[in-house]
């Protein structure tokens, strides 16, 4: 079976809007699932209108909408109208999964509670995304979750103040959490066959955000240290995230996570003596003296051309890279291979694939 047909017998109804829920539906659509996105006839997914200034005003979709609604079919239904509700119920009877991100009470108003849906399909799996939990009716956007989960407080520099990430990072995390939960439940359904009873899988943006704080959370929970805004720097490793200018004006950065990486970097920069100095001979010492280390490395990096430096360090398995904008990124064949193209209502759309399956 082709990788993009793994779920060709899977039927999904996508009632969700904005980014998190729709991206889950798009993931399954890319793998061959039949995904029907249902939108209100008069109030469709708001991201259809989230257009950049250079996008056509009369286009039915935006670049934003296209990024997370790949490969779906579209159906306009007002679930408060009897005939539309009846059509929806027909779809539910044949569905495997329903995705939704209603606010508290939204399902009740539309007559589509979990119990009501399973009256038409007892094996139905329901995937839900909320902002702050199923019993909380707060309106949640990614920015608010980045603010309230601690992520913004750590992002930026002392000068900039708190800064959000330039993507809807929490939405993406929550989507992955829900996708994984659905895949696990689908395995259960396959295991029990006709004896399976449908389950509801619920993920909140808040829980996904806090659960993804990983080392920053453990740094605080185990030591009491509240993370500071340090830009691209890493609280546990150095040099990591410092920005260096090369001879040809490129910006590069290093992720030196071990003494071995540091030794190879210093050898290439003719600074081998640094590895024997107490202030730089361990990870902890390099973090403590990172500003001094940066001042020593900076002029040596500036003597070299970016391409040559990176190529030689890559050959020695030293983690390093050039800071690129999206024009540079998508100018590369490797990135272009991840771009999918399709037609939506006569509009050419492009998006980055949300899944990559590699067989060895």
Protein backbone atom coordinates (compact mmCIF):
# COMPACT_ATOMS: atom_id res chain seq x y z
CA UNK A 1 0.00 0.00 0.00
CA UNK A 2 1.26 3.49 -0.81
CA UNK A 3 2.15 5.67 2.18
CA UNK A 4 -0.47 8.21 1.15
CA UNK A 5 -3.20 5.55 1.20
CA UNK A 6 -2.66 4.19 4.71
CA UNK A 7 -6.07 5.44 5.85
CA UNK A 8 -8.04 5.18 2.61
CA UNK A 9 -10.88 3.35 4.41
CA UNK A 10 -11.10 5.90 7.23
CA UNK A 11 -14.00 8.39 7.28
CA UNK A 12 -13.54 11.57 9.29
CA UNK A 13 -15.90 14.49 9.89
CA UNK A 14 -14.06 17.70 10.72
CA UNK A 15 -16.20 20.24 12.58
CA UNK A 16 -13.19 22.12 13.93
CA UNK A 17 -11.95 25.57 12.96
CA UNK A 18 -8.79 27.71 13.03
CA UNK A 19 -5.59 25.62 13.32
CA UNK A 20 -5.29 22.84 15.91
CA UNK A 21 -8.31 20.71 15.02
CA UNK A 22 -8.14 21.23 11.24
CA UNK A 23 -4.48 20.24 11.17
CA UNK A 24 -5.42 16.87 12.71
CA UNK A 25 -7.94 16.34 9.92
CA UNK A 26 -5.36 17.36 7.34
CA UNK A 27 -2.87 14.84 8.72
CA UNK A 28 -5.31 11.99 8.10
CA UNK A 29 -6.36 13.40 4.71
CA UNK A 30 -2.75 13.38 3.54
CA UNK A 31 -2.63 9.68 4.36
CA UNK A 32 -5.67 8.90 2.25
CA UNK A 33 -8.56 9.31 4.71
CA UNK A 34 -11.88 10.68 3.46
CA UNK A 35 -12.13 13.90 5.48
CA UNK A 36 -15.24 16.07 5.19
CA UNK A 37 -14.86 19.54 6.64
CA UNK A 38 -18.24 20.95 7.67
CA UNK A 39 -18.64 24.72 7.87
CA UNK A 40 -21.59 26.98 8.59
CA UNK A 41 -23.00 28.36 5.30
CA UNK A 42 -22.88 31.98 6.50
CA UNK A 43 -20.04 31.76 9.03
CA UNK A 44 -17.36 29.45 7.60
CA UNK A 45 -13.97 28.81 9.17
CA UNK A 46 -12.68 32.25 10.10
CA UNK A 47 -9.21 31.48 8.73
CA UNK A 48 -10.58 31.66 5.20
CA UNK A 49 -10.48 35.44 5.76
CA UNK A 50 -7.05 35.61 7.41
CA UNK A 51 -5.29 36.93 4.32
CA UNK A 52 -2.04 38.78 3.87
CA UNK A 53 -2.24 42.17 2.20
CA UNK A 54 -1.09 40.72 -1.13
CA UNK A 55 -3.71 37.93 -1.28
CA UNK A 56 -6.81 38.38 -3.49
CA UNK A 57 -9.73 39.68 -1.44
CA UNK A 58 -12.26 37.61 -3.39
CA UNK A 59 -10.37 34.31 -3.08
CA UNK A 60 -12.41 31.65 -1.20
CA UNK A 61 -9.37 30.56 0.83
CA UNK A 62 -6.32 32.17 2.40
CA UNK A 63 -2.77 30.88 2.56
CA UNK A 64 -3.36 30.35 6.28
CA UNK A 65 -6.48 28.23 5.66
CA UNK A 66 -4.62 26.20 3.04
CA UNK A 67 -1.87 25.28 5.49
CA UNK A 68 -4.17 23.09 7.59
CA UNK A 69 -7.04 22.03 5.31
CA UNK A 70 -5.20 20.01 2.71
CA UNK A 71 -7.01 17.24 0.87
CA UNK A 72 -10.44 17.67 2.46
CA UNK A 73 -13.91 17.81 0.99
CA UNK A 74 -16.07 20.77 2.01
CA UNK A 75 -19.70 20.77 3.02
CA UNK A 76 -21.80 23.74 4.18
CA UNK A 77 -24.29 22.77 6.89
CA UNK A 78 -26.20 24.76 9.49
CA UNK A 79 -26.73 22.15 12.21
CA UNK A 80 -29.58 24.18 13.71
CA UNK A 81 -31.65 23.53 10.56
CA UNK A 82 -33.50 20.21 10.66
CA UNK A 83 -32.65 19.09 7.15
CA UNK A 84 -28.97 19.97 7.59
CA UNK A 85 -28.87 18.23 10.96
CA UNK A 86 -30.36 15.14 9.36
CA UNK A 87 -27.70 15.16 6.65
CA UNK A 88 -25.03 15.47 9.32
CA UNK A 89 -26.44 12.48 11.22
CA UNK A 90 -26.23 10.42 8.03
CA UNK A 91 -22.55 11.24 7.78
CA UNK A 92 -21.98 10.40 11.44
CA UNK A 93 -23.52 6.95 10.97
CA UNK A 94 -20.78 6.08 8.48
CA UNK A 95 -17.92 7.95 10.17
CA UNK A 96 -14.99 6.59 12.16
CA UNK A 97 -13.90 9.87 13.75
CA UNK A 98 -15.46 13.27 14.43
CA UNK A 99 -13.20 16.25 15.22
CA UNK A 100 -14.46 19.33 17.03
CA UNK A 101 -13.32 22.33 19.08
CA UNK A 102 -16.58 23.83 20.38
CA UNK A 103 -16.70 26.02 23.45
CA UNK A 104 -18.42 24.65 26.55
CA UNK A 105 -22.11 24.10 25.78
CA UNK A 106 -21.65 24.25 22.00
CA UNK A 107 -22.45 20.59 21.41
CA UNK A 108 -25.64 20.84 23.48
CA UNK A 109 -26.86 23.85 21.50
CA UNK A 110 -26.42 21.97 18.24
CA UNK A 111 -27.85 18.68 19.48
CA UNK A 112 -24.63 16.79 18.87
CA UNK A 113 -23.44 15.71 22.32
CA UNK A 114 -21.23 12.65 22.50
CA UNK A 115 -24.20 10.59 23.70
CA UNK A 116 -26.43 11.82 20.88
CA UNK A 117 -23.79 11.09 18.25
CA UNK A 118 -23.24 7.55 19.51
CA UNK A 119 -26.93 6.83 19.26
CA UNK A 120 -26.25 6.81 15.53
CA UNK A 121 -22.80 5.18 15.69
CA UNK A 122 -21.78 3.34 18.86
CA UNK A 123 -18.18 2.88 17.67
CA UNK A 124 -17.62 6.55 16.87
CA UNK A 125 -14.34 8.05 18.10
CA UNK A 126 -14.67 11.73 19.00
CA UNK A 127 -11.60 13.98 19.11
CA UNK A 128 -11.92 17.30 20.94
CA UNK A 129 -9.67 20.29 21.42
CA UNK A 130 -10.45 22.96 24.00
CA UNK A 131 -8.58 25.96 25.28
CA UNK A 132 -8.47 25.40 29.02
CA UNK A 133 -10.37 22.11 29.44
CA UNK A 134 -13.80 20.74 28.60
CA UNK A 135 -15.49 22.54 31.50
CA UNK A 136 -13.97 25.95 30.83
CA UNK A 137 -15.68 28.36 28.43
CA UNK A 138 -12.78 30.80 27.95
CA UNK A 139 -12.04 31.77 24.36
CA UNK A 140 -8.53 30.53 23.60
CA UNK A 141 -6.12 31.68 20.92
CA UNK A 142 -2.54 30.48 20.66
CA UNK A 143 -1.17 33.84 21.79
CA UNK A 144 -3.12 33.65 25.05
CA UNK A 145 -1.85 30.13 25.73
CA UNK A 146 1.75 31.17 25.01
CA UNK A 147 1.24 33.96 27.52
CA UNK A 148 -0.40 31.92 30.27
CA UNK A 149 1.71 28.76 29.99
CA UNK A 150 4.99 30.56 30.66
CA UNK A 151 6.32 30.26 27.13
CA UNK A 152 6.19 33.98 26.33
CA UNK A 153 7.90 34.82 29.61
CA UNK A 154 10.93 32.80 28.46
CA UNK A 155 10.94 34.03 24.85
CA UNK A 156 12.74 37.17 23.74
CA UNK A 157 15.59 39.05 25.35
CA UNK A 158 15.89 41.24 28.45
CA UNK A 159 15.56 44.22 26.10
CA UNK A 160 12.63 42.97 24.04
CA UNK A 161 10.42 41.79 26.86
CA UNK A 162 8.14 38.74 26.40
CA UNK A 163 7.79 37.60 22.77
CA UNK A 164 5.46 35.04 21.21
CA UNK A 165 6.77 32.47 18.79
CA UNK A 166 6.01 33.39 15.17
CA UNK A 167 3.89 30.27 14.63
CA UNK A 168 0.85 29.00 16.51
CA UNK A 169 3.12 26.72 18.48
CA UNK A 170 0.59 25.61 21.11
CA UNK A 171 -2.00 24.77 18.47
CA UNK A 172 0.55 22.60 16.70
CA UNK A 173 1.48 20.82 19.95
CA UNK A 174 -2.15 20.17 20.88
CA UNK A 175 -2.87 18.85 17.40
CA UNK A 176 -0.05 16.33 17.73
CA UNK A 177 -1.32 15.28 21.17
CA UNK A 178 -4.83 14.70 19.82
CA UNK A 179 -3.55 12.91 16.73
CA UNK A 180 -1.55 10.52 18.91
CA UNK A 181 -4.55 9.91 21.17
CA UNK A 182 -6.73 9.15 18.16
CA UNK A 183 -4.19 6.74 16.70
CA UNK A 184 -4.03 4.86 20.02
CA UNK A 185 -7.82 4.66 20.15
CA UNK A 186 -7.96 3.46 16.57
CA UNK A 187 -5.62 0.62 17.54
CA UNK A 188 -8.02 -0.27 20.36
CA UNK A 189 -10.91 -0.29 17.91
CA UNK A 190 -9.01 -2.59 15.59
CA UNK A 191 -8.16 -4.86 18.49
CA UNK A 192 -11.70 -5.31 19.80
CA UNK A 193 -13.47 -5.18 16.41
CA UNK A 194 -17.27 -5.38 16.83
CA UNK A 195 -17.00 -5.38 20.62
CA UNK A 196 -15.46 -1.92 20.60
CA UNK A 197 -17.42 1.00 22.07
CA UNK A 198 -16.51 4.50 20.93
CA UNK A 199 -14.45 6.80 23.14
CA UNK A 200 -13.90 10.54 23.34
CA UNK A 201 -10.35 11.87 23.31
CA UNK A 202 -9.99 15.38 24.71
CA UNK A 203 -6.92 17.63 24.60
CA UNK A 204 -6.66 21.17 25.94
CA UNK A 205 -4.25 23.76 24.58
CA UNK A 206 -3.25 24.61 28.14
CA UNK A 207 -2.37 21.03 29.07
CA UNK A 208 -0.45 20.56 25.83
CA UNK A 209 1.53 23.76 26.46
CA UNK A 210 2.47 23.00 30.06
CA UNK A 211 3.26 19.35 29.28
CA UNK A 212 5.66 20.57 26.57
CA UNK A 213 7.78 22.78 28.83
CA UNK A 214 10.05 19.72 29.32
CA UNK A 215 13.55 20.73 30.49
CA UNK A 216 12.52 24.28 31.37
CA UNK A 217 9.85 22.86 33.68
CA UNK A 218 12.21 20.35 35.29
CA UNK A 219 14.85 23.07 35.73
CA UNK A 220 12.31 25.01 37.76
CA UNK A 221 10.68 22.08 39.58
CA UNK A 222 14.00 20.56 40.62
CA UNK A 223 16.04 23.70 41.34
CA UNK A 224 13.51 26.51 41.82
CA UNK A 225 15.16 28.57 39.06
CA UNK A 226 12.67 30.64 37.08
CA UNK A 227 13.82 30.80 33.43
CA UNK A 228 14.95 34.21 32.21
CA UNK A 229 14.65 35.66 28.73
CA UNK A 230 17.93 34.82 27.03
CA UNK A 231 16.96 35.01 23.37
CA UNK A 232 18.14 31.98 21.41
CA UNK A 233 20.53 30.85 24.13
CA UNK A 234 20.11 27.56 25.99
CA UNK A 235 20.04 27.60 29.80
CA UNK A 236 22.03 24.36 30.07
CA UNK A 237 24.46 24.45 27.11
CA UNK A 238 27.02 26.86 25.62
CA UNK A 239 27.83 27.92 23.02
CA UNK A 240 24.26 27.32 21.91
CA UNK A 241 22.20 29.94 20.11
CA UNK A 242 24.82 32.70 20.06
CA UNK A 243 24.85 34.37 16.65
CA UNK A 244 28.09 34.77 14.74
CA UNK A 245 28.84 36.75 11.58
CA UNK A 246 31.10 35.15 8.98
CA UNK A 247 33.52 36.84 6.58
CA UNK A 248 30.88 36.93 3.83
CA UNK A 249 28.17 38.43 6.05
CA UNK A 250 26.23 35.26 6.82
CA UNK A 251 24.80 34.58 10.27
CA UNK A 252 25.54 31.17 11.75
CA UNK A 253 24.97 29.49 15.10
CA UNK A 254 26.30 26.49 17.00
CA UNK A 255 24.63 23.91 19.24
CA UNK A 256 27.61 22.60 21.18
CA UNK A 257 26.09 19.98 23.46
CA UNK A 258 29.17 18.04 24.56
CA UNK A 259 32.87 18.39 25.34
CA UNK A 260 33.63 16.48 22.18
CA UNK A 261 31.70 18.99 20.05
CA UNK A 262 33.54 21.82 21.80
CA UNK A 263 36.94 20.24 21.21
CA UNK A 264 36.26 19.84 17.48
CA UNK A 265 35.01 23.43 17.18
CA UNK A 266 38.04 24.82 18.98
CA UNK A 267 40.39 22.71 16.88
CA UNK A 268 38.87 24.05 13.68
CA UNK A 269 39.11 27.64 14.93
CA UNK A 270 42.71 27.16 16.13
CA UNK A 271 41.61 27.70 19.72
CA UNK A 272 42.51 24.29 21.12
CA UNK A 273 43.98 25.86 24.26
CA UNK A 274 40.47 26.77 25.42
CA UNK A 275 39.57 23.12 26.05
CA UNK A 276 42.16 22.90 28.82
CA UNK A 277 41.09 26.06 30.65
CA UNK A 278 39.02 25.63 33.81
CA UNK A 279 36.50 28.24 32.68
CA UNK A 280 35.61 26.27 29.53
CA UNK A 281 36.48 22.60 30.19
CA UNK A 282 32.96 21.47 31.16
CA UNK A 283 29.39 22.16 30.06
CA UNK A 284 28.58 23.96 33.31
CA UNK A 285 31.69 26.12 33.14
CA UNK A 286 30.96 27.12 29.55
CA UNK A 287 27.42 28.16 30.53
CA UNK A 288 28.76 30.20 33.45
CA UNK A 289 31.35 31.91 31.25
CA UNK A 290 29.38 32.00 27.99
CA UNK A 291 29.75 35.75 27.38
CA UNK A 292 33.51 35.56 27.71
CA UNK A 293 33.57 32.51 25.43
CA UNK A 294 31.46 34.30 22.82
CA UNK A 295 33.91 37.22 22.73
CA UNK A 296 36.77 34.80 22.04
CA UNK A 297 34.98 32.81 19.34
CA UNK A 298 33.43 35.79 17.54
CA UNK A 299 36.54 37.21 15.75
CA UNK A 300 37.74 33.74 14.75
CA UNK A 301 34.42 32.87 13.11
CA UNK A 302 34.43 36.23 11.33
CA UNK A 303 37.65 35.28 9.53
CA UNK A 304 35.93 32.40 7.70
CA UNK A 305 33.44 31.98 4.87
CA UNK A 306 30.12 30.50 5.96
CA UNK A 307 29.84 27.71 3.37
CA UNK A 308 33.36 26.45 3.96
CA UNK A 309 33.08 26.62 7.75
CA UNK A 310 29.74 24.84 7.84
CA UNK A 311 30.79 22.17 5.36
CA UNK A 312 33.93 21.33 7.31
CA UNK A 313 32.13 21.28 10.68
CA UNK A 314 29.31 19.16 9.25
CA UNK A 315 31.93 16.65 8.11
CA UNK A 316 33.11 16.45 11.72
CA UNK A 317 29.53 16.09 13.03
CA UNK A 318 29.56 19.41 14.86
CA UNK A 319 25.99 20.81 15.15
CA UNK A 320 25.90 24.16 13.36
CA UNK A 321 23.83 25.98 10.80
CA UNK A 322 23.12 29.19 8.91
CA UNK A 323 20.22 31.38 10.00
CA UNK A 324 17.99 31.50 6.90
CA UNK A 325 14.80 33.32 6.00
CA UNK A 326 11.96 31.44 4.29
CA UNK A 327 13.03 32.55 0.83
CA UNK A 328 16.36 30.83 1.41
CA UNK A 329 14.70 27.79 2.97
CA UNK A 330 12.27 27.16 0.12
CA UNK A 331 14.98 27.90 -2.42
CA UNK A 332 16.45 24.54 -1.47
CA UNK A 333 15.41 21.32 -3.15
CA UNK A 334 15.20 19.52 0.20
CA UNK A 335 12.50 21.93 1.41
CA UNK A 336 10.69 21.97 -1.93
CA UNK A 337 10.28 18.19 -1.71
CA UNK A 338 8.10 18.74 1.37
CA UNK A 339 5.71 21.12 -0.39
CA UNK A 340 2.36 19.81 -1.59
CA UNK A 341 0.34 21.56 -4.25
CA UNK A 342 -3.35 21.31 -5.01
CA UNK A 343 -6.37 23.19 -6.28
CA UNK A 344 -9.08 24.46 -3.94
CA UNK A 345 -12.01 26.08 -5.72
CA UNK A 346 -9.77 27.13 -8.60
CA UNK A 347 -7.08 28.59 -6.33
CA UNK A 348 -3.57 27.17 -6.46
CA UNK A 349 -2.49 26.39 -2.90
CA UNK A 350 0.77 25.18 -1.48
CA UNK A 351 1.56 23.84 1.97
CA UNK A 352 4.24 21.90 3.78
CA UNK A 353 3.36 18.26 4.35
CA UNK A 354 2.50 17.56 7.99
CA UNK A 355 3.69 13.97 7.86
CA UNK A 356 6.77 12.25 6.59
CA UNK A 357 6.94 8.45 6.43
CA UNK A 358 10.26 6.88 5.62
CA UNK A 359 10.69 3.15 5.03
CA UNK A 360 14.13 1.55 5.28
